[in-house]
Protein backbone atom coordinates (compact mmCIF):
# COMPACT_ATOMS: atom_id res chain seq x y z
CA MET A 1 -33.19 150.72 169.93
CA GLY A 2 -29.08 151.29 168.98
CA GLU A 3 -28.66 154.16 172.15
CA ALA A 4 -30.64 152.38 174.32
CA LYS A 5 -28.65 148.91 173.85
CA ASN A 6 -25.17 150.88 174.17
CA TYR A 7 -26.89 152.77 177.69
CA TRP A 8 -27.23 149.15 178.86
CA LYS A 9 -24.09 147.62 177.57
CA SER A 10 -22.58 150.84 179.58
CA TYR A 11 -23.72 148.42 182.51
CA GLY A 12 -22.52 145.57 182.15
CA LEU A 13 -24.79 143.81 180.49
CA SER A 14 -24.70 141.26 177.53
CA ASP A 15 -26.14 141.27 174.34
CA ARG A 16 -28.86 138.65 175.24
CA GLU A 17 -29.90 140.66 178.53
CA VAL A 18 -30.03 143.78 176.73
CA GLU A 19 -32.53 142.05 174.05
CA ASN A 20 -34.42 140.49 176.77
CA LEU A 21 -34.73 143.84 178.54
CA PRO A 22 -38.33 145.05 176.88
CA THR A 23 -39.79 142.03 177.88
CA LEU A 24 -38.31 142.13 181.88
CA TYR A 25 -39.76 145.60 181.45
CA GLN A 26 -42.86 145.00 180.56
CA HIS A 27 -43.20 141.99 183.40
CA TYR A 28 -42.17 145.01 185.83
CA MET A 29 -44.76 147.25 184.65
CA ASN A 30 -47.49 144.99 184.10
CA LYS A 31 -47.09 143.94 187.92
CA ASN A 32 -46.77 146.88 189.04
CA GLU A 33 -50.34 148.09 187.99
CA GLU A 34 -52.10 145.51 190.27
């Protein structure tokens, strides 16, 4: 997860946003499957 965190931080995301990414990503994937 460390590398991914640095990757997202390079896009200007805050720590809190980065920690929410897995949730947002899963939500997005679930939405796309419908």
